[in-house]
Amino acid sequence: MEYLIFGTLVGLYGLYKWYQHAQQVNKHNEAALKEFVERIVPCNVEYEDGMFYLYNGMNNEFVAQGKTSSEIEKFINSHDQKFFISWLCDEEIVDQVKRMEAEFATS
């Protein structure tokens, strides 16, 4: 009888410690995901008067401007802690600007 009670207590203690560990891991993963998501900047690209303008898609704040895709790429490379993606999340900003640049060069 004592062994049954002792075994139950050890089992419950093990479950409690496992739950604590799972909670710590969950908090750590949540913080890491939040930090990663904060580094993502979805951008809208506008082309006007020979200039590309990048705006943050979340709040329409101005991000950068440049005449060519290489100027935009230089800006993005200087901010290596951020991930600049198109608002539709289907391509990187540099690729979108290069595609737009080619479209406007042919027209």
C-alpha atoms as a PDB file:
ATOM      1  CA  MET A   1       0.000   0.000   0.000  1.00  0.00           C
ATOM      2  CA  GLU A   2       2.820   2.393   0.861  1.00  0.00           C
ATOM      3  CA  TYR A   3       4.442   1.676  -2.482  1.00  0.00           C
ATOM      4  CA  LEU A   4       1.262   2.567  -4.344  1.00  0.00           C
ATOM      5  CA  ILE A   5       0.967   5.908  -2.531  1.00  0.00           C
ATOM      6  CA  PHE A   6       4.675   6.640  -2.975  1.00  0.00           C
ATOM      7  CA  GLY A   7       4.507   5.709  -6.688  1.00  0.00           C
ATOM      8  CA  THR A   8       1.473   7.934  -7.203  1.00  0.00           C
ATOM      9  CA  LEU A   9       3.206  10.873  -5.507  1.00  0.00           C
ATOM     10  CA  VAL A  10       6.361  10.399  -7.595  1.00  0.00           C
ATOM     11  CA  GLY A  11       4.237  10.177 -10.749  1.00  0.00           C
ATOM     12  CA  LEU A  12       2.311  13.338  -9.902  1.00  0.00           C
ATOM     13  CA  TYR A  13       5.553  15.176  -9.089  1.00  0.00           C
ATOM     14  CA  GLY A  14       6.970  14.059 -12.456  1.00  0.00           C
ATOM     15  CA  LEU A  15       3.880  15.335 -14.275  1.00  0.00           C
ATOM     16  CA  TYR A  16       4.127  18.649 -12.423  1.00  0.00           C
ATOM     17  CA  LYS A  17       7.808  19.100 -13.375  1.00  0.00           C
ATOM     18  CA  TRP A  18       7.063  18.124 -16.980  1.00  0.00           C
ATOM     19  CA  TYR A  19       4.272  20.727 -17.094  1.00  0.00           C
ATOM     20  CA  GLN A  20       6.587  23.430 -15.693  1.00  0.00           C
ATOM     21  CA  HIS A  21       9.224  22.592 -18.286  1.00  0.00           C
ATOM     22  CA  ALA A  22       6.641  22.666 -21.084  1.00  0.00           C
ATOM     23  CA  GLN A  23       5.462  26.102 -19.921  1.00  0.00           C
ATOM     24  CA  GLN A  24       9.048  27.450 -19.930  1.00  0.00           C
ATOM     25  CA  VAL A  25       9.695  26.101 -23.412  1.00  0.00           C
ATOM     26  CA  ASN A  26       6.412  27.586 -24.611  1.00  0.00           C
ATOM     27  CA  LYS A  27       7.287  31.040 -23.206  1.00  0.00           C
ATOM     28  CA  HIS A  28      10.718  30.910 -24.830  1.00  0.00           C
ATOM     29  CA  ASN A  29       9.277  29.885 -28.216  1.00  0.00           C
ATOM     30  CA  GLU A  30       6.608  32.568 -27.993  1.00  0.00           C
ATOM     31  CA  ALA A  31       9.222  35.259 -27.311  1.00  0.00           C
ATOM     32  CA  ALA A  32      11.404  34.032 -30.189  1.00  0.00           C
ATOM     33  CA  LEU A  33       8.446  34.029 -32.589  1.00  0.00           C
ATOM     34  CA  LYS A  34       7.399  37.524 -31.498  1.00  0.00           C
ATOM     35  CA  GLU A  35      10.938  38.836 -32.063  1.00  0.00           C
ATOM     36  CA  PHE A  36      11.048  37.228 -35.515  1.00  0.00           C
ATOM     37  CA  VAL A  37       7.662  38.605 -36.580  1.00  0.00           C
ATOM     38  CA  GLU A  38       8.650  42.116 -35.444  1.00  0.00           C
ATOM     39  CA  ARG A  39      11.591  41.970 -37.869  1.00  0.00           C
ATOM     40  CA  ILE A  40       9.309  41.397 -40.887  1.00  0.00           C
ATOM     41  CA  VAL A  41       8.360  44.578 -42.758  1.00  0.00           C
ATOM     42  CA  PRO A  42       5.673  44.069 -45.410  1.00  0.00           C
ATOM     43  CA  CYS A  43       6.074  46.900 -47.915  1.00  0.00           C
ATOM     44  CA  ASN A  44       4.091  48.535 -50.665  1.00  0.00           C
ATOM     45  CA  VAL A  45       6.106  49.796 -53.620  1.00  0.00           C
ATOM     46  CA  GLU A  46       5.056  52.823 -55.614  1.00  0.00           C
ATOM     47  CA  TYR A  47       6.694  54.213 -58.719  1.00  0.00           C
ATOM     48  CA  GLU A  48       6.301  57.918 -59.404  1.00  0.00           C
ATOM     49  CA  ASP A  49       8.381  60.388 -61.437  1.00  0.00           C
ATOM     50  CA  GLY A  50      11.199  57.897 -61.951  1.00  0.00           C
ATOM     51  CA  MET A  51      11.519  57.035 -58.240  1.00  0.00           C
ATOM     52  CA  PHE A  52      10.588  53.936 -56.301  1.00  0.00           C
ATOM     53  CA  TYR A  53       9.010  54.596 -52.920  1.00  0.00           C
ATOM     54  CA  LEU A  54       8.700  51.931 -50.244  1.00  0.00           C
ATOM     55  CA  TYR A  55       6.031  52.243 -47.576  1.00  0.00           C
ATOM     56  CA  ASN A  56       5.374  50.016 -44.606  1.00  0.00           C
ATOM     57  CA  GLY A  57       2.180  48.189 -45.501  1.00  0.00           C
ATOM     58  CA  MET A  58       0.982  48.034 -41.900  1.00  0.00           C
ATOM     59  CA  ASN A  59       0.940  51.761 -41.140  1.00  0.00           C
ATOM     60  CA  ASN A  60       1.854  53.467 -44.460  1.00  0.00           C
ATOM     61  CA  GLU A  61       5.047  54.955 -43.004  1.00  0.00           C
ATOM     62  CA  PHE A  62       7.730  55.896 -45.482  1.00  0.00           C
ATOM     63  CA  VAL A  63      10.575  53.357 -45.520  1.00  0.00           C
ATOM     64  CA  ALA A  64      12.903  54.181 -48.420  1.00  0.00           C
ATOM     65  CA  GLN A  65      13.230  55.612 -51.898  1.00  0.00           C
ATOM     66  CA  GLY A  66      15.544  55.065 -54.811  1.00  0.00           C
ATOM     67  CA  LYS A  67      15.816  55.553 -58.534  1.00  0.00           C
ATOM     68  CA  THR A  68      16.999  52.012 -59.218  1.00  0.00           C
ATOM     69  CA  SER A  69      16.677  48.589 -57.702  1.00  0.00           C
ATOM     70  CA  SER A  70      20.351  48.724 -56.701  1.00  0.00           C
ATOM     71  CA  GLU A  71      19.677  51.769 -54.492  1.00  0.00           C
ATOM     72  CA  ILE A  72      16.785  49.950 -52.819  1.00  0.00           C
ATOM     73  CA  GLU A  73      18.940  46.851 -52.420  1.00  0.00           C
ATOM     74  CA  LYS A  74      21.721  48.927 -50.846  1.00  0.00           C
ATOM     75  CA  PHE A  75      19.239  50.311 -48.300  1.00  0.00           C
ATOM     76  CA  ILE A  76      17.882  46.855 -47.516  1.00  0.00           C
ATOM     77  CA  ASN A  77      21.368  45.395 -47.088  1.00  0.00           C
ATOM     78  CA  SER A  78      22.219  48.147 -44.612  1.00  0.00           C
ATOM     79  CA  HIS A  79      19.246  47.038 -42.481  1.00  0.00           C
ATOM     80  CA  ASP A  80      20.157  43.364 -42.151  1.00  0.00           C
ATOM     81  CA  GLN A  81      18.083  42.942 -38.972  1.00  0.00           C
ATOM     82  CA  LYS A  82      14.849  43.432 -40.956  1.00  0.00           C
ATOM     83  CA  PHE A  83      13.117  41.336 -43.609  1.00  0.00           C
ATOM     84  CA  PHE A  84      11.534  43.519 -46.304  1.00  0.00           C
ATOM     85  CA  ILE A  85       8.900  41.610 -48.277  1.00  0.00           C
ATOM     86  CA  SER A  86       6.157  42.646 -50.650  1.00  0.00           C
ATOM     87  CA  TRP A  87       2.726  43.282 -49.201  1.00  0.00           C
ATOM     88  CA  LEU A  88       1.390  40.154 -50.904  1.00  0.00           C
ATOM     89  CA  CYS A  89       4.264  38.126 -49.367  1.00  0.00           C
ATOM     90  CA  ASP A  90       4.960  36.455 -52.691  1.00  0.00           C
ATOM     91  CA  GLU A  91       8.397  37.960 -53.376  1.00  0.00           C
ATOM     92  CA  GLU A  92      11.129  40.005 -51.792  1.00  0.00           C
ATOM     93  CA  ILE A  93      11.075  43.759 -52.264  1.00  0.00           C
ATOM     94  CA  VAL A  94      14.258  43.805 -54.349  1.00  0.00           C
ATOM     95  CA  ASP A  95      12.768  41.263 -56.753  1.00  0.00           C
ATOM     96  CA  GLN A  96       9.549  43.261 -56.986  1.00  0.00           C
ATOM     97  CA  VAL A  97      11.441  46.503 -57.677  1.00  0.00           C
ATOM     98  CA  LYS A  98      13.586  44.772 -60.323  1.00  0.00           C
ATOM     99  CA  ARG A  99      10.449  43.403 -61.989  1.00  0.00           C
ATOM    100  CA  MET A 100       8.779  46.829 -61.912  1.00  0.00           C
ATOM    101  CA  GLU A 101      11.981  48.436 -63.204  1.00  0.00           C
ATOM    102  CA  ALA A 102      11.995  46.065 -66.176  1.00  0.00           C
ATOM    103  CA  GLU A 103       8.319  46.739 -66.854  1.00  0.00           C
ATOM    104  CA  PHE A 104       8.815  50.509 -66.856  1.00  0.00           C
ATOM    105  CA  ALA A 105      11.978  50.236 -68.991  1.00  0.00           C
ATOM    106  CA  THR A 106      10.043  48.433 -71.741  1.00  0.00           C
ATOM    107  CA  SER A 107       7.113  50.843 -71.721  1.00  0.00           C
END
